[in-house]
Amino acid sequence: MSSQEDILEIRWHGRGGQGAKTAALLFAEAQMHSGKYVQAFPEYGPERGGAPVTAFNRVSDKPIRTHSQIENPDFVVVLDLSLLSSIDITEGLHHEDKILFNARKIPQASCYSLKNYQIFLVDASGISQKVLEKNLPNTPMLGALIKALDLDLEKNLEAFKEKMIAKFKDKGIVEKNIQAIREAYNSVVEI
């Protein structure tokens, strides 16, 4: 947990168009649906498709009074491994904090700098390509995050489904996203 012991802080790293902001919002909605207090917000700059994007979550059992950037997250979610060469995804992390990667494996060159963290991997892009027929890793990453945080999958799926039905109206898209979340939940590995 963050410096405020009762708040879980998450930082999302992705590229424009991968859905990091949407995933942070969906995750917050699901936690709120479970009775938690939440915050979800992106960090904006001159983003465009493919540019680095950062989004954040705070989750707590108590009201959240902090309204600043997250400087020391407890958990980092990385939607695109190519970001490892351009940004420090470990900035502000403490030893034993968790990082979830959209990857089958971590590049050997990065392994040493990541040795002090709990690392989780899931092939979110592969799952997305198979189930959604496009590379949109955000919803599979939600499933992996739920598993890595040891949260209740069914409770979260219920909330995700409710939000997606309101957004998409197309039950086929909603069902495919739920399938991708479930598959990622069952595929995440800790290394």
Protein backbone atom coordinates (compact mmCIF):
# COMPACT_ATOMS: atom_id res chain seq x y z
CA MET A 1 0.00 0.00 0.00
CA SER A 2 1.00 3.60 -0.47
CA SER A 3 2.48 5.84 2.18
CA GLN A 4 -1.09 6.24 3.35
CA GLU A 5 -1.46 2.63 4.42
CA ASP A 6 -5.10 2.30 3.41
CA ILE A 7 -4.76 3.48 -0.22
CA LEU A 8 -3.72 1.27 -3.13
CA GLU A 9 -2.05 3.38 -5.84
CA ILE A 10 -1.63 2.12 -9.41
CA ARG A 11 0.18 3.70 -12.35
CA TRP A 12 -0.63 2.61 -15.91
CA HIS A 13 1.84 3.03 -18.78
CA GLY A 14 0.77 2.59 -22.38
CA ARG A 15 0.73 4.23 -25.75
CA GLY A 16 -2.04 6.36 -27.18
CA GLY A 17 -4.72 4.07 -28.58
CA GLN A 18 -3.97 1.08 -26.32
CA GLY A 19 -6.63 2.01 -23.78
CA ALA A 20 -4.62 2.75 -20.61
CA LYS A 21 -6.96 5.59 -19.66
CA THR A 22 -10.05 3.49 -20.36
CA ALA A 23 -8.66 0.57 -18.35
CA ALA A 24 -7.94 2.83 -15.36
CA LEU A 25 -11.50 4.19 -15.54
CA LEU A 26 -13.03 0.70 -15.83
CA PHE A 27 -10.94 -0.57 -12.94
CA ALA A 28 -12.06 2.36 -10.77
CA GLU A 29 -15.70 1.78 -11.69
CA ALA A 30 -15.44 -1.89 -10.74
CA GLN A 31 -13.85 -1.08 -7.39
CA MET A 32 -16.50 1.56 -6.71
CA HIS A 33 -19.13 -1.07 -7.54
CA SER A 34 -17.53 -3.16 -4.76
CA GLY A 35 -17.99 -0.35 -2.24
CA LYS A 36 -14.50 1.14 -2.44
CA TYR A 37 -13.56 4.79 -2.74
CA VAL A 38 -11.69 5.44 -5.97
CA GLN A 39 -9.88 7.89 -8.18
CA ALA A 40 -8.94 7.42 -11.83
CA PHE A 41 -7.20 10.07 -13.88
CA PRO A 42 -4.85 10.35 -16.85
CA GLU A 43 -1.78 12.50 -17.23
CA TYR A 44 -2.18 14.47 -20.41
CA GLY A 45 0.29 16.13 -22.68
CA PRO A 46 0.35 16.38 -26.44
CA GLU A 47 -0.77 12.73 -26.78
CA ARG A 48 -1.43 11.19 -30.14
CA GLY A 49 -1.72 7.64 -31.34
CA GLY A 50 1.41 5.78 -30.28
CA ALA A 51 2.74 8.43 -27.87
CA PRO A 52 3.40 7.41 -24.23
CA VAL A 53 0.34 7.80 -21.99
CA THR A 54 0.08 7.51 -18.21
CA ALA A 55 -3.05 6.92 -16.15
CA PHE A 56 -3.54 6.43 -12.42
CA ASN A 57 -5.84 4.78 -9.85
CA ARG A 58 -6.30 5.16 -6.13
CA VAL A 59 -8.48 2.64 -4.28
CA SER A 60 -9.37 2.67 -0.59
CA ASP A 61 -11.92 1.51 1.97
CA LYS A 62 -11.99 5.09 3.28
CA PRO A 63 -12.61 8.42 1.55
CA ILE A 64 -9.56 9.56 -0.43
CA ARG A 65 -8.54 13.09 0.45
CA THR A 66 -5.39 13.17 -1.69
CA HIS A 67 -5.76 14.95 -5.04
CA SER A 68 -2.23 14.96 -6.40
CA GLN A 69 -0.16 12.90 -8.79
CA ILE A 70 0.85 9.43 -7.68
CA GLU A 71 4.56 9.52 -7.00
CA ASN A 72 5.07 6.18 -5.26
CA PRO A 73 2.69 3.63 -6.74
CA ASP A 74 2.22 0.20 -5.20
CA PHE A 75 1.59 -1.35 -8.59
CA VAL A 76 2.60 -0.49 -12.16
CA VAL A 77 0.83 -1.82 -15.25
CA VAL A 78 2.77 -1.71 -18.53
CA LEU A 79 0.76 -2.19 -21.73
CA ASP A 80 3.73 -1.87 -24.12
CA LEU A 81 7.22 -3.28 -23.49
CA SER A 82 8.78 -0.78 -25.91
CA LEU A 83 8.24 1.84 -23.19
CA LEU A 84 11.09 0.26 -21.19
CA SER A 85 13.58 1.96 -23.51
CA SER A 86 12.06 5.44 -23.18
CA ILE A 87 10.69 5.84 -19.65
CA ASP A 88 11.56 4.63 -16.16
CA ILE A 89 8.53 2.50 -15.30
CA THR A 90 10.04 1.76 -11.86
CA GLU A 91 10.19 5.42 -10.83
CA GLY A 92 8.84 5.79 -7.30
CA LEU A 93 8.46 2.05 -6.70
CA HIS A 94 9.74 0.43 -3.53
CA HIS A 95 11.28 -3.03 -3.30
CA GLU A 96 8.63 -5.73 -3.46
CA ASP A 97 6.09 -3.49 -5.24
CA LYS A 98 4.38 -5.15 -8.20
CA ILE A 99 4.71 -4.68 -11.96
CA LEU A 100 2.41 -6.28 -14.53
CA PHE A 101 3.68 -6.50 -18.10
CA ASN A 102 1.86 -7.19 -21.34
CA ALA A 103 4.50 -9.71 -22.39
CA ARG A 104 5.34 -13.39 -22.72
CA LYS A 105 8.79 -12.69 -21.28
CA ILE A 106 10.89 -9.74 -20.17
CA PRO A 107 13.87 -8.74 -22.33
CA GLN A 108 17.08 -10.06 -20.77
CA ALA A 109 18.56 -6.54 -20.64
CA SER A 110 15.74 -5.40 -18.32
CA CYS A 111 15.80 -8.35 -15.93
CA TYR A 112 18.52 -7.00 -13.62
CA SER A 113 16.80 -3.65 -13.06
CA LEU A 114 13.52 -5.43 -12.25
CA LYS A 115 14.88 -8.06 -9.85
CA ASN A 116 13.61 -6.30 -6.70
CA TYR A 117 9.96 -6.27 -7.74
CA GLN A 118 7.17 -8.81 -7.96
CA ILE A 119 6.76 -9.31 -11.71
CA PHE A 120 3.63 -10.58 -13.42
CA LEU A 121 3.33 -11.38 -17.13
CA VAL A 122 0.38 -11.91 -19.43
CA ASP A 123 0.23 -11.97 -23.22
CA ALA A 124 -2.56 -9.38 -23.33
CA SER A 125 -1.82 -8.47 -26.96
CA GLY A 126 -1.99 -12.13 -28.00
CA ILE A 127 -5.26 -12.63 -26.12
CA SER A 128 -6.64 -9.43 -27.64
CA GLN A 129 -5.65 -10.48 -31.17
CA LYS A 130 -7.25 -13.90 -30.69
CA VAL A 131 -10.46 -12.84 -28.95
CA LEU A 132 -11.07 -9.24 -30.12
CA GLU A 133 -9.27 -9.60 -33.47
CA LYS A 134 -7.19 -6.48 -32.83
CA ASN A 135 -4.32 -5.42 -30.60
CA LEU A 136 -6.15 -3.63 -27.80
CA PRO A 137 -4.52 -4.99 -24.62
CA ASN A 138 -6.37 -2.89 -22.05
CA THR A 139 -9.23 -5.24 -21.20
CA PRO A 140 -7.04 -8.35 -20.95
CA MET A 141 -4.72 -6.35 -18.66
CA LEU A 142 -7.69 -5.73 -16.37
CA GLY A 143 -8.10 -9.48 -15.93
CA ALA A 144 -4.41 -9.91 -15.17
CA LEU A 145 -4.47 -7.00 -12.69
CA ILE A 146 -7.43 -8.52 -10.87
CA LYS A 147 -5.52 -11.81 -10.54
CA ALA A 148 -2.26 -10.12 -9.45
CA LEU A 149 -4.16 -8.13 -6.79
CA ASP A 150 -6.04 -11.27 -5.68
CA LEU A 151 -9.44 -9.65 -6.24
CA ASP A 152 -12.73 -11.43 -6.90
CA LEU A 153 -13.01 -12.03 -10.67
CA GLU A 154 -16.77 -12.52 -10.87
CA LYS A 155 -17.57 -9.40 -8.86
CA ASN A 156 -15.28 -7.34 -11.11
CA LEU A 157 -16.65 -8.91 -14.30
CA GLU A 158 -20.16 -7.93 -13.25
CA ALA A 159 -19.11 -4.28 -12.92
CA PHE A 160 -17.07 -4.31 -16.15
CA LYS A 161 -19.97 -5.81 -18.06
CA GLU A 162 -22.39 -3.18 -16.72
CA LYS A 163 -20.08 -0.32 -17.81
CA MET A 164 -19.31 -1.86 -21.19
CA ILE A 165 -22.98 -2.44 -22.01
CA ALA A 166 -23.64 1.24 -21.33
CA LYS A 167 -20.69 2.24 -23.53
CA PHE A 168 -20.88 -0.19 -26.46
CA LYS A 169 -24.51 -1.28 -26.73
CA ASP A 170 -23.24 -4.21 -28.87
CA LYS A 171 -23.49 -7.35 -26.73
CA GLY A 172 -21.00 -9.16 -29.01
CA ILE A 173 -18.23 -6.65 -28.24
CA VAL A 174 -19.07 -6.77 -24.54
CA GLU A 175 -18.98 -10.58 -24.43
CA LYS A 176 -15.66 -10.70 -26.30
CA ASN A 177 -14.12 -8.23 -23.85
CA ILE A 178 -15.40 -10.27 -20.90
CA GLN A 179 -13.90 -13.38 -22.51
CA ALA A 180 -10.55 -11.56 -22.96
CA ILE A 181 -10.57 -10.43 -19.30
CA ARG A 182 -11.34 -13.95 -18.10
CA GLU A 183 -8.67 -15.52 -20.33
CA ALA A 184 -6.01 -13.06 -19.12
CA TYR A 185 -7.01 -13.68 -15.49
CA ASN A 186 -6.40 -17.40 -16.07
CA SER A 187 -3.14 -16.82 -18.01
CA VAL A 188 -1.19 -14.39 -15.82
CA VAL A 189 2.04 -15.77 -14.35
CA GLU A 190 4.32 -14.46 -11.64
CA ILE A 191 8.04 -14.76 -12.37
